[in-house]
Amino acid sequence: MSFDRDQIKIAADTLARQGVFIGTSSWKYPGWLGQLYDQSRYVWHGRFSESRLERLCLTEYGEVFRTVCVDAAYYQFPDARSLADLGSQVPTDFQFAFKVTDQITLKRFPNLPRFGLRAGQPNPDFLNPERFASAFLEPCETIRNQVGLLLFEFSRFYPTDFERGRDFVDALDQFLGCLPKGWSYGIEIRNRHFLHPDYFATLSRHGVTHIYNSWQEMPPIEEQMGLPGSRTTPGLVAARLLLRPGRSYEDAVKLFKPYDRIKEPYPEGRAAGAKLIQETRQASGHARVYLYVNNRFEGNALETIASLIELADQY
């Protein structure tokens, strides 16, 4: 299904009223010009300005979708002023999902230039609830009504980090037990053998949702959905369609950039996403699902979303 802006706006509004919040991971993509974005809105002194697009396009995004996943929060702690600015660009009922800053979720800083002298060193703030509350949650209070989900993304751990999955679950259990109540939290992991009943039980005990994620070394989402206990919060489900399993992030970037169209459909991944949409529609009460699609999943997140919605209507 191609992306029709007006049709998707109507569908996204209807789905949100049914508890289904569907959107993209990040939103600043020039490849979406002519699909989601009107290029004429970002012309400055007679020329298209990419910096103007990046600065202003969230407003146009919010005219169609009711939610977005903010990946930028993963790289540095947010500040109240920048969050207030984000909130002011979208409707008051818009729902943000924020990736929690990696200073909370990295056990050891990777050997990457952005970490400077910290590269390769242990992270003293790993699973530090006080640091999370002061540096992340406190700024989020600025737009609390617009915060739908706080997402802890844990990169793949190695045996030098945790010898056993049980050790990670124990550390996670202590951390979750100290988190302030009243927020919706989700955990996304990248170690497939951590998908153990003890892990799911720990999340369930703390009212935290397991985030189904399509990633290089993770089982397909459909397989994760079939694991006993994986629905850790009955009224809240979350999923991120990021990569086709077996494909690296770097390869996906090379294959799909500039993300202006679908280049390789992934029917099984679409079917899993559509199933989550339909299950939420059919659930009684106030069930919610947050479903986010990345350009690296099939090449163009907008067209993937259009296909998910169409497929869900067929169930």
C-alpha atoms as a PDB file:
ATOM      1  CA  MET A   1       0.000   0.000   0.000  1.00  0.00           C
ATOM      2  CA  SER A   2       1.359   3.449  -0.894  1.00  0.00           C
ATOM      3  CA  PHE A   3       1.369   6.245   1.664  1.00  0.00           C
ATOM      4  CA  ASP A   4      -1.626   8.569   1.314  1.00  0.00           C
ATOM      5  CA  ARG A   5      -1.211  11.409   3.813  1.00  0.00           C
ATOM      6  CA  ASP A   6      -4.909  12.171   4.237  1.00  0.00           C
ATOM      7  CA  GLN A   7      -5.924   8.518   4.568  1.00  0.00           C
ATOM      8  CA  ILE A   8      -3.217   7.789   7.122  1.00  0.00           C
ATOM      9  CA  LYS A   9      -4.193  10.851   9.162  1.00  0.00           C
ATOM     10  CA  ILE A  10      -7.775   9.590   9.404  1.00  0.00           C
ATOM     11  CA  ALA A  11      -6.593   6.062  10.206  1.00  0.00           C
ATOM     12  CA  ALA A  12      -4.099   7.244  12.845  1.00  0.00           C
ATOM     13  CA  ASP A  13      -6.781   9.350  14.562  1.00  0.00           C
ATOM     14  CA  THR A  14      -9.207   6.417  14.586  1.00  0.00           C
ATOM     15  CA  LEU A  15      -6.591   3.996  15.888  1.00  0.00           C
ATOM     16  CA  ALA A  16      -5.548   6.364  18.680  1.00  0.00           C
ATOM     17  CA  ARG A  17      -9.143   6.477  19.903  1.00  0.00           C
ATOM     18  CA  GLN A  18      -9.008   2.669  19.989  1.00  0.00           C
ATOM     19  CA  GLY A  19      -5.796   2.677  22.035  1.00  0.00           C
ATOM     20  CA  VAL A  20      -3.436   2.045  19.115  1.00  0.00           C
ATOM     21  CA  PHE A  21      -0.629   4.582  18.825  1.00  0.00           C
ATOM     22  CA  ILE A  22       1.369   3.967  15.669  1.00  0.00           C
ATOM     23  CA  GLY A  23       4.243   6.105  14.463  1.00  0.00           C
ATOM     24  CA  THR A  24       7.885   6.163  13.470  1.00  0.00           C
ATOM     25  CA  SER A  25      11.269   6.056  15.170  1.00  0.00           C
ATOM     26  CA  SER A  26      12.464   9.628  14.717  1.00  0.00           C
ATOM     27  CA  TRP A  27      11.008  11.925  12.086  1.00  0.00           C
ATOM     28  CA  LYS A  28      13.698  14.115  10.458  1.00  0.00           C
ATOM     29  CA  TYR A  29      14.044  12.460   7.049  1.00  0.00           C
ATOM     30  CA  PRO A  30      14.379  14.428   3.783  1.00  0.00           C
ATOM     31  CA  GLY A  31      13.399  11.192   2.001  1.00  0.00           C
ATOM     32  CA  TRP A  32       9.839  11.783   3.237  1.00  0.00           C
ATOM     33  CA  LEU A  33       9.462  15.012   1.256  1.00  0.00           C
ATOM     34  CA  GLY A  34       6.517  14.655  -1.068  1.00  0.00           C
ATOM     35  CA  GLN A  35       5.047  11.890   1.127  1.00  0.00           C
ATOM     36  CA  LEU A  36       4.615  13.259   4.633  1.00  0.00           C
ATOM     37  CA  TYR A  37       6.313  16.625   4.247  1.00  0.00           C
ATOM     38  CA  ASP A  38       5.485  19.513   1.927  1.00  0.00           C
ATOM     39  CA  GLN A  39       8.811  20.850   0.654  1.00  0.00           C
ATOM     40  CA  SER A  40       7.424  24.379   0.232  1.00  0.00           C
ATOM     41  CA  ARG A  41       7.091  24.687   4.025  1.00  0.00           C
ATOM     42  CA  TYR A  42      10.865  24.463   4.406  1.00  0.00           C
ATOM     43  CA  VAL A  43      12.012  26.948   1.789  1.00  0.00           C
ATOM     44  CA  TRP A  44      14.178  29.801   3.041  1.00  0.00           C
ATOM     45  CA  HIS A  45      15.241  32.655   0.794  1.00  0.00           C
ATOM     46  CA  GLY A  46      14.018  30.773  -2.230  1.00  0.00           C
ATOM     47  CA  ARG A  47      15.841  27.502  -1.478  1.00  0.00           C
ATOM     48  CA  PHE A  48      14.935  24.330   0.355  1.00  0.00           C
ATOM     49  CA  SER A  49      16.637  24.229   3.763  1.00  0.00           C
ATOM     50  CA  GLU A  50      17.340  20.840   5.316  1.00  0.00           C
ATOM     51  CA  SER A  51      18.148  22.467   8.652  1.00  0.00           C
ATOM     52  CA  ARG A  52      14.743  24.173   8.552  1.00  0.00           C
ATOM     53  CA  LEU A  53      13.122  20.794   7.880  1.00  0.00           C
ATOM     54  CA  GLU A  54      14.887  19.215  10.839  1.00  0.00           C
ATOM     55  CA  ARG A  55      13.922  22.082  13.118  1.00  0.00           C
ATOM     56  CA  LEU A  56      10.277  22.460  12.127  1.00  0.00           C
ATOM     57  CA  CYS A  57       8.944  19.241  10.601  1.00  0.00           C
ATOM     58  CA  LEU A  58       7.665  17.753  13.866  1.00  0.00           C
ATOM     59  CA  THR A  59       4.647  20.054  13.568  1.00  0.00           C
ATOM     60  CA  GLU A  60       3.780  18.636  10.155  1.00  0.00           C
ATOM     61  CA  TYR A  61       4.443  15.103  11.432  1.00  0.00           C
ATOM     62  CA  GLY A  62       1.993  15.755  14.281  1.00  0.00           C
ATOM     63  CA  GLU A  63      -0.686  16.767  11.796  1.00  0.00           C
ATOM     64  CA  VAL A  64      -0.808  13.115  10.676  1.00  0.00           C
ATOM     65  CA  PHE A  65       0.477  10.865  13.461  1.00  0.00           C
ATOM     66  CA  ARG A  66      -0.399  10.778  17.158  1.00  0.00           C
ATOM     67  CA  THR A  67       2.923   9.430  18.456  1.00  0.00           C
ATOM     68  CA  VAL A  68       6.656   9.259  17.732  1.00  0.00           C
ATOM     69  CA  CYS A  69       9.667   7.596  19.332  1.00  0.00           C
ATOM     70  CA  VAL A  70      12.347  10.146  20.253  1.00  0.00           C
ATOM     71  CA  ASP A  71      15.666   8.431  19.615  1.00  0.00           C
ATOM     72  CA  ALA A  72      17.716  11.569  20.366  1.00  0.00           C
ATOM     73  CA  ALA A  73      17.093  11.217  24.111  1.00  0.00           C
ATOM     74  CA  TYR A  74      19.252   8.072  24.015  1.00  0.00           C
ATOM     75  CA  TYR A  75      22.411  10.090  23.355  1.00  0.00           C
ATOM     76  CA  GLN A  76      22.125  12.764  26.029  1.00  0.00           C
ATOM     77  CA  PHE A  77      19.886  13.580  28.937  1.00  0.00           C
ATOM     78  CA  PRO A  78      16.991  15.822  27.901  1.00  0.00           C
ATOM     79  CA  ASP A  79      16.448  19.263  29.374  1.00  0.00           C
ATOM     80  CA  ALA A  80      13.136  20.776  30.329  1.00  0.00           C
ATOM     81  CA  ARG A  81      13.348  23.587  27.783  1.00  0.00           C
ATOM     82  CA  SER A  82      13.916  21.297  24.793  1.00  0.00           C
ATOM     83  CA  LEU A  83      11.121  18.978  25.921  1.00  0.00           C
ATOM     84  CA  ALA A  84       8.735  21.891  26.316  1.00  0.00           C
ATOM     85  CA  ASP A  85       9.649  22.950  22.785  1.00  0.00           C
ATOM     86  CA  LEU A  86       8.873  19.454  21.465  1.00  0.00           C
ATOM     87  CA  GLY A  87       5.548  19.419  23.264  1.00  0.00           C
ATOM     88  CA  SER A  88       4.564  22.813  21.895  1.00  0.00           C
ATOM     89  CA  GLN A  89       4.985  21.640  18.294  1.00  0.00           C
ATOM     90  CA  VAL A  90       2.327  18.919  18.480  1.00  0.00           C
ATOM     91  CA  PRO A  91      -1.267  18.576  19.754  1.00  0.00           C
ATOM     92  CA  THR A  92      -1.746  18.309  23.507  1.00  0.00           C
ATOM     93  CA  ASP A  93      -2.921  14.690  23.206  1.00  0.00           C
ATOM     94  CA  PHE A  94       0.154  13.644  21.206  1.00  0.00           C
ATOM     95  CA  GLN A  95       2.146  10.830  22.860  1.00  0.00           C
ATOM     96  CA  PHE A  96       5.952  10.708  22.889  1.00  0.00           C
ATOM     97  CA  ALA A  97       8.011   7.602  23.551  1.00  0.00           C
ATOM     98  CA  PHE A  98      11.475   8.467  24.803  1.00  0.00           C
ATOM     99  CA  LYS A  99      14.493   6.206  24.640  1.00  0.00           C
ATOM    100  CA  VAL A 100      16.158   6.577  28.028  1.00  0.00           C
ATOM    101  CA  THR A 101      19.684   7.938  27.830  1.00  0.00           C
ATOM    102  CA  ASP A 102      22.340   5.261  27.420  1.00  0.00           C
ATOM    103  CA  GLN A 103      24.187   6.503  30.482  1.00  0.00           C
ATOM    104  CA  ILE A 104      21.573   4.514  32.408  1.00  0.00           C
ATOM    105  CA  THR A 105      21.552   1.397  30.216  1.00  0.00           C
ATOM    106  CA  LEU A 106      25.204   0.835  29.256  1.00  0.00           C
ATOM    107  CA  LYS A 107      27.202  -1.347  31.642  1.00  0.00           C
ATOM    108  CA  ARG A 108      30.445  -0.298  29.994  1.00  0.00           C
ATOM    109  CA  PHE A 109      30.968   2.590  27.581  1.00  0.00           C
ATOM    110  CA  PRO A 110      31.700   1.323  24.051  1.00  0.00           C
ATOM    111  CA  ASN A 111      34.896   2.246  22.263  1.00  0.00           C
ATOM    112  CA  LEU A 112      33.281   4.993  20.220  1.00  0.00           C
ATOM    113  CA  PRO A 113      34.587   8.543  19.684  1.00  0.00           C
ATOM    114  CA  ARG A 114      31.520  10.161  21.258  1.00  0.00           C
ATOM    115  CA  PHE A 115      32.415   8.690  24.659  1.00  0.00           C
ATOM    116  CA  GLY A 116      35.850  10.295  24.726  1.00  0.00           C
ATOM    117  CA  LEU A 117      37.897   9.314  27.771  1.00  0.00           C
ATOM    118  CA  ARG A 118      35.006   7.179  29.054  1.00  0.00           C
ATOM    119  CA  ALA A 119      35.322   4.743  26.125  1.00  0.00           C
ATOM    120  CA  GLY A 120      35.943   1.204  27.365  1.00  0.00           C
ATOM    121  CA  GLN A 121      35.392   2.173  30.996  1.00  0.00           C
ATOM    122  CA  PRO A 122      32.740   0.851  33.408  1.00  0.00           C
ATOM    123  CA  ASN A 123      29.670   3.082  33.659  1.00  0.00           C
ATOM    124  CA  PRO A 124      29.053   4.194  37.267  1.00  0.00           C
ATOM    125  CA  ASP A 125      25.471   5.205  36.405  1.00  0.00           C
ATOM    126  CA  PHE A 126      24.412   1.845  34.976  1.00  0.00           C
ATOM    127  CA  LEU A 127      20.923   1.088  36.357  1.00  0.00           C
ATOM    128  CA  ASN A 128      21.201   3.984  38.789  1.00  0.00           C
ATOM    129  CA  PRO A 129      17.605   4.875  39.753  1.00  0.00           C
ATOM    130  CA  GLU A 130      18.533   8.142  41.466  1.00  0.00           C
ATOM    131  CA  ARG A 131      20.420   9.374  38.413  1.00  0.00           C
ATOM    132  CA  PHE A 132      17.553   8.331  36.147  1.00  0.00           C
ATOM    133  CA  ALA A 133      14.982  10.129  38.296  1.00  0.00           C
ATOM    134  CA  SER A 134      16.942  13.392  38.525  1.00  0.00           C
ATOM    135  CA  ALA A 135      18.479  13.597  35.047  1.00  0.00           C
ATOM    136  CA  PHE A 136      15.708  12.045  32.955  1.00  0.00           C
ATOM    137  CA  LEU A 137      12.370  11.925  34.750  1.00  0.00           C
ATOM    138  CA  GLU A 138      12.554  15.392  36.258  1.00  0.00           C
ATOM    139  CA  PRO A 139      12.798  17.153  32.863  1.00  0.00           C
ATOM    140  CA  CYS A 140      10.014  14.897  31.530  1.00  0.00           C
ATOM    141  CA  GLU A 141       7.662  16.363  34.127  1.00  0.00           C
ATOM    142  CA  THR A 142       7.540  19.420  31.853  1.00  0.00           C
ATOM    143  CA  ILE A 143       5.386  17.513  29.354  1.00  0.00           C
ATOM    144  CA  ARG A 144       4.206  14.638  31.522  1.00  0.00           C
ATOM    145  CA  ASN A 145       0.761  14.405  29.895  1.00  0.00           C
ATOM    146  CA  GLN A 146       2.444  13.893  26.516  1.00  0.00           C
ATOM    147  CA  VAL A 147       4.809  11.129  27.665  1.00  0.00           C
ATOM    148  CA  GLY A 148       3.322   7.805  26.626  1.00  0.00           C
ATOM    149  CA  LEU A 149       6.252   5.436  27.144  1.00  0.00           C
ATOM    150  CA  LEU A 150       9.769   5.503  28.580  1.00  0.00           C
ATOM    151  CA  LEU A 151      11.893   2.917  26.835  1.00  0.00           C
ATOM    152  CA  PHE A 152      15.044   1.364  28.299  1.00  0.00           C
ATOM    153  CA  GLU A 153      17.008  -0.032  25.374  1.00  0.00           C
ATOM    154  CA  PHE A 154      19.797  -2.387  26.436  1.00  0.00           C
ATOM    155  CA  SER A 155      22.453  -3.068  23.844  1.00  0.00           C
ATOM    156  CA  ARG A 156      23.714  -6.615  23.574  1.00  0.00           C
ATOM    157  CA  PHE A 157      25.520  -7.742  26.696  1.00  0.00           C
ATOM    158  CA  TYR A 158      28.572 -10.011  26.582  1.00  0.00           C
ATOM    159  CA  PRO A 159      29.720 -12.655  29.090  1.00  0.00           C
ATOM    160  CA  THR A 160      32.141 -10.098  30.513  1.00  0.00           C
ATOM    161  CA  ASP A 161      29.118  -7.943  31.373  1.00  0.00           C
ATOM    162  CA  PHE A 162      26.835 -10.653  32.751  1.00  0.00           C
ATOM    163  CA  GLU A 163      27.953 -14.261  32.957  1.00  0.00           C
ATOM    164  CA  ARG A 164      24.331 -15.410  33.019  1.00  0.00           C
ATOM    165  CA  GLY A 165      21.018 -13.916  32.009  1.00  0.00           C
ATOM    166  CA  ARG A 166      19.912 -14.435  35.599  1.00  0.00           C
ATOM    167  CA  ASP A 167      22.523 -11.890  36.731  1.00  0.00           C
ATOM    168  CA  PHE A 168      21.039  -9.250  34.435  1.00  0.00           C
ATOM    169  CA  VAL A 169      17.527 -10.020  35.643  1.00  0.00           C
ATOM    170  CA  ASP A 170      18.637  -9.653  39.272  1.00  0.00           C
ATOM    171  CA  ALA A 171      20.168  -6.246  38.559  1.00  0.00           C
ATOM    172  CA  LEU A 172      17.085  -5.208  36.581  1.00  0.00           C
ATOM    173  CA  ASP A 173      14.798  -6.355  39.399  1.00  0.00           C
ATOM    174  CA  GLN A 174      16.548  -4.102  41.906  1.00  0.00           C
ATOM    175  CA  PHE A 175      16.466  -1.152  39.507  1.00  0.00           C
ATOM    176  CA  LEU A 176      12.798  -1.485  38.592  1.00  0.00           C
ATOM    177  CA  GLY A 177      11.861  -1.771  42.244  1.00  0.00           C
ATOM    178  CA  CYS A 178      13.286   1.705  42.857  1.00  0.00           C
ATOM    179  CA  LEU A 179      11.644   3.526  39.944  1.00  0.00           C
ATOM    180  CA  PRO A 180       9.038   6.218  40.639  1.00  0.00           C
ATOM    181  CA  LYS A 181       5.494   5.048  39.975  1.00  0.00           C
ATOM    182  CA  GLY A 182       3.004   6.610  37.614  1.00  0.00           C
ATOM    183  CA  TRP A 183       5.000   6.328  34.378  1.00  0.00           C
ATOM    184  CA  SER A 184       4.755   3.680  31.656  1.00  0.00           C
ATOM    185  CA  TYR A 185       8.090   1.863  31.357  1.00  0.00           C
ATOM    186  CA  GLY A 186       9.265  -0.614  28.740  1.00  0.00           C
ATOM    187  CA  ILE A 187      12.354  -2.822  28.456  1.00  0.00           C
ATOM    188  CA  GLU A 188      13.998  -3.689  25.142  1.00  0.00           C
ATOM    189  CA  ILE A 189      16.806  -6.243  25.162  1.00  0.00           C
ATOM    190  CA  ARG A 190      19.151  -7.514  22.464  1.00  0.00           C
ATOM    191  CA  ASN A 191      20.190 -10.869  23.996  1.00  0.00           C
ATOM    192  CA  ARG A 192      17.835 -13.536  22.738  1.00  0.00           C
ATOM    193  CA  HIS A 193      18.735 -16.030  25.459  1.00  0.00           C
ATOM    194  CA  PHE A 194      17.606 -13.476  28.075  1.00  0.00           C
ATOM    195  CA  LEU A 195      14.011 -14.087  26.909  1.00  0.00           C
ATOM    196  CA  HIS A 196      13.444 -16.390  29.856  1.00  0.00           C
ATOM    197  CA  PRO A 197      10.391 -16.878  32.102  1.00  0.00           C
ATOM    198  CA  ASP A 198      12.287 -15.228  34.986  1.00  0.00           C
ATOM    199  CA  TYR A 199      12.846 -12.114  32.874  1.00  0.00           C
ATOM    200  CA  PHE A 200       9.183 -11.860  31.911  1.00  0.00           C
ATOM    201  CA  ALA A 201       8.069 -12.552  35.480  1.00  0.00           C
ATOM    202  CA  THR A 202      10.302  -9.776  36.803  1.00  0.00           C
ATOM    203  CA  LEU A 203       8.839  -7.244  34.373  1.00  0.00           C
ATOM    204  CA  SER A 204       5.319  -8.374  35.177  1.00  0.00           C
ATOM    205  CA  ARG A 205       5.888  -8.029  38.908  1.00  0.00           C
ATOM    206  CA  HIS A 206       6.928  -4.395  38.423  1.00  0.00           C
ATOM    207  CA  GLY A 207       4.262  -3.538  35.863  1.00  0.00           C
ATOM    208  CA  VAL A 208       6.812  -2.969  33.091  1.00  0.00           C
ATOM    209  CA  THR A 209       6.207  -4.018  29.509  1.00  0.00           C
ATOM    210  CA  HIS A 210       8.527  -6.161  27.416  1.00  0.00           C
ATOM    211  CA  ILE A 211       9.061  -4.359  24.117  1.00  0.00           C
ATOM    212  CA  TYR A 212       8.821  -6.718  21.174  1.00  0.00           C
ATOM    213  CA  ASN A 213      11.662  -5.707  18.891  1.00  0.00           C
ATOM    214  CA  SER A 214      12.693  -6.807  15.440  1.00  0.00           C
ATOM    215  CA  TRP A 215      16.485  -6.737  15.511  1.00  0.00           C
ATOM    216  CA  GLN A 216      19.512  -8.427  13.963  1.00  0.00           C
ATOM    217  CA  GLU A 217      20.083 -11.176  16.538  1.00  0.00           C
ATOM    218  CA  MET A 218      16.644 -11.303  18.155  1.00  0.00           C
ATOM    219  CA  PRO A 219      13.895 -13.808  17.336  1.00  0.00           C
ATOM    220  CA  PRO A 220      11.200 -12.464  14.996  1.00  0.00           C
ATOM    221  CA  ILE A 221       8.472 -10.521  16.779  1.00  0.00           C
ATOM    222  CA  GLU A 222       5.911 -13.221  16.049  1.00  0.00           C
ATOM    223  CA  GLU A 223       8.136 -15.729  17.868  1.00  0.00           C
ATOM    224  CA  GLN A 224       8.593 -13.372  20.825  1.00  0.00           C
ATOM    225  CA  MET A 225       4.833 -12.899  21.029  1.00  0.00           C
ATOM    226  CA  GLY A 226       4.411 -16.643  21.347  1.00  0.00           C
ATOM    227  CA  LEU A 227       6.693 -16.963  24.375  1.00  0.00           C
ATOM    228  CA  PRO A 228       4.785 -17.757  27.600  1.00  0.00           C
ATOM    229  CA  GLY A 229       4.562 -14.725  29.846  1.00  0.00           C
ATOM    230  CA  SER A 230       5.794 -12.234  27.261  1.00  0.00           C
ATOM    231  CA  ARG A 231       2.693 -10.037  27.719  1.00  0.00           C
ATOM    232  CA  THR A 232       4.049  -8.631  30.941  1.00  0.00           C
ATOM    233  CA  THR A 233       1.505  -5.806  31.301  1.00  0.00           C
ATOM    234  CA  PRO A 234      -2.055  -6.786  30.287  1.00  0.00           C
ATOM    235  CA  GLY A 235      -3.146  -3.238  29.428  1.00  0.00           C
ATOM    236  CA  LEU A 236       0.027  -2.089  27.684  1.00  0.00           C
ATOM    237  CA  VAL A 237       1.909  -3.557  24.730  1.00  0.00           C
ATOM    238  CA  ALA A 238       4.821  -2.016  22.821  1.00  0.00           C
ATOM    239  CA  ALA A 239       6.789  -3.048  19.756  1.00  0.00           C
ATOM    240  CA  ARG A 240       9.499  -1.584  17.550  1.00  0.00           C
ATOM    241  CA  LEU A 241       9.971  -2.754  13.982  1.00  0.00           C
ATOM    242  CA  LEU A 242      13.622  -1.816  13.538  1.00  0.00           C
ATOM    243  CA  LEU A 243      15.492  -4.349  11.397  1.00  0.00           C
ATOM    244  CA  ARG A 244      14.787  -7.573   9.615  1.00  0.00           C
ATOM    245  CA  PRO A 245      16.331 -10.316  11.817  1.00  0.00           C
ATOM    246  CA  GLY A 246      19.696 -11.407  10.454  1.00  0.00           C
ATOM    247  CA  ARG A 247      20.549  -8.019   8.933  1.00  0.00           C
ATOM    248  CA  SER A 248      22.944  -5.557  10.531  1.00  0.00           C
ATOM    249  CA  TYR A 249      22.091  -1.924  11.054  1.00  0.00           C
ATOM    250  CA  GLU A 250      24.983  -0.841   8.835  1.00  0.00           C
ATOM    251  CA  ASP A 251      23.826  -3.069   5.971  1.00  0.00           C
ATOM    252  CA  ALA A 252      20.277  -1.736   6.272  1.00  0.00           C
ATOM    253  CA  VAL A 253      21.500   1.851   6.028  1.00  0.00           C
ATOM    254  CA  LYS A 254      23.458   1.061   2.868  1.00  0.00           C
ATOM    255  CA  LEU A 255      20.543  -0.795   1.333  1.00  0.00           C
ATOM    256  CA  PHE A 256      17.686   1.574   2.159  1.00  0.00           C
ATOM    257  CA  LYS A 257      19.016   5.131   2.325  1.00  0.00           C
ATOM    258  CA  PRO A 258      17.571   7.786   1.564  1.00  0.00           C
ATOM    259  CA  TYR A 259      14.453   5.995   2.859  1.00  0.00           C
ATOM    260  CA  ASP A 260      12.106   7.326   0.200  1.00  0.00           C
ATOM    261  CA  ARG A 261      10.419   4.004  -0.652  1.00  0.00           C
ATOM    262  CA  ILE A 262      10.115   0.383   0.409  1.00  0.00           C
ATOM    263  CA  LYS A 263      12.898  -1.632  -1.192  1.00  0.00           C
ATOM    264  CA  GLU A 264      12.412  -5.022   0.462  1.00  0.00           C
ATOM    265  CA  PRO A 265       9.057  -5.987   1.989  1.00  0.00           C
ATOM    266  CA  TYR A 266       9.131  -8.147   5.113  1.00  0.00           C
ATOM    267  CA  PRO A 267       5.689  -9.840   5.167  1.00  0.00           C
ATOM    268  CA  GLU A 268       6.225 -11.806   8.389  1.00  0.00           C
ATOM    269  CA  GLY A 269       7.199  -8.660  10.281  1.00  0.00           C
ATOM    270  CA  ARG A 270       4.201  -6.786   8.926  1.00  0.00           C
ATOM    271  CA  ALA A 271       1.886  -9.609   9.959  1.00  0.00           C
ATOM    272  CA  ALA A 272       3.165  -9.477  13.550  1.00  0.00           C
ATOM    273  CA  GLY A 273       2.646  -5.720  13.749  1.00  0.00           C
ATOM    274  CA  ALA A 274      -0.843  -5.972  12.261  1.00  0.00           C
ATOM    275  CA  LYS A 275      -1.718  -8.692  14.775  1.00  0.00           C
ATOM    276  CA  LEU A 276      -0.771  -6.422  17.671  1.00  0.00           C
ATOM    277  CA  ILE A 277      -2.980  -3.676  16.253  1.00  0.00           C
ATOM    278  CA  GLN A 278      -5.961  -5.962  15.875  1.00  0.00           C
ATOM    279  CA  GLU A 279      -5.523  -7.565  19.302  1.00  0.00           C
ATOM    280  CA  THR A 280      -5.609  -4.133  20.936  1.00  0.00           C
ATOM    281  CA  ARG A 281      -8.713  -3.159  19.000  1.00  0.00           C
ATOM    282  CA  GLN A 282     -10.474  -6.265  20.253  1.00  0.00           C
ATOM    283  CA  ALA A 283      -9.327  -5.965  23.876  1.00  0.00           C
ATOM    284  CA  SER A 284     -11.783  -4.786  26.455  1.00  0.00           C
ATOM    285  CA  GLY A 285     -11.092  -1.883  28.769  1.00  0.00           C
ATOM    286  CA  HIS A 286      -8.356   0.655  28.157  1.00  0.00           C
ATOM    287  CA  ALA A 287      -5.679  -1.421  26.431  1.00  0.00           C
ATOM    288  CA  ARG A 288      -2.921   0.487  24.613  1.00  0.00           C
ATOM    289  CA  VAL A 289      -0.269  -0.472  22.119  1.00  0.00           C
ATOM    290  CA  TYR A 290       2.660   1.696  21.083  1.00  0.00           C
ATOM    291  CA  LEU A 291       3.977   0.537  17.729  1.00  0.00           C
ATOM    292  CA  TYR A 292       7.001   2.200  16.112  1.00  0.00           C
ATOM    293  CA  VAL A 293       8.458   1.571  12.675  1.00  0.00           C
ATOM    294  CA  ASN A 294      11.991   2.411  11.528  1.00  0.00           C
ATOM    295  CA  ASN A 295      13.090   3.168   7.969  1.00  0.00           C
ATOM    296  CA  ARG A 296      15.650   0.362   8.248  1.00  0.00           C
ATOM    297  CA  PHE A 297      12.854  -2.210   8.539  1.00  0.00           C
ATOM    298  CA  GLU A 298      11.793  -2.181   4.878  1.00  0.00           C
ATOM    299  CA  GLY A 299      13.184   1.067   3.479  1.00  0.00           C
ATOM    300  CA  ASN A 300      10.399   3.551   4.207  1.00  0.00           C
ATOM    301  CA  ALA A 301       8.578   3.609   7.549  1.00  0.00           C
ATOM    302  CA  LEU A 302       5.623   5.570   6.154  1.00  0.00           C
ATOM    303  CA  GLU A 303       4.743   2.963   3.550  1.00  0.00           C
ATOM    304  CA  THR A 304       5.297   0.181   6.087  1.00  0.00           C
ATOM    305  CA  ILE A 305       2.783   1.825   8.422  1.00  0.00           C
ATOM    306  CA  ALA A 306       0.278   2.151   5.581  1.00  0.00           C
ATOM    307  CA  SER A 307       0.688  -1.568   4.869  1.00  0.00           C
ATOM    308  CA  LEU A 308       0.299  -2.476   8.567  1.00  0.00           C
ATOM    309  CA  ILE A 309      -2.946  -0.550   8.822  1.00  0.00           C
ATOM    310  CA  GLU A 310      -4.304  -2.113   5.663  1.00  0.00           C
ATOM    311  CA  LEU A 311      -3.331  -5.596   6.829  1.00  0.00           C
ATOM    312  CA  ALA A 312      -4.853  -5.085  10.292  1.00  0.00           C
ATOM    313  CA  ASP A 313      -8.155  -4.183   8.662  1.00  0.00           C
ATOM    314  CA  GLN A 314      -8.158  -7.585   6.953  1.00  0.00           C
ATOM    315  CA  TYR A 315      -7.992  -9.591  10.188  1.00  0.00           C
END
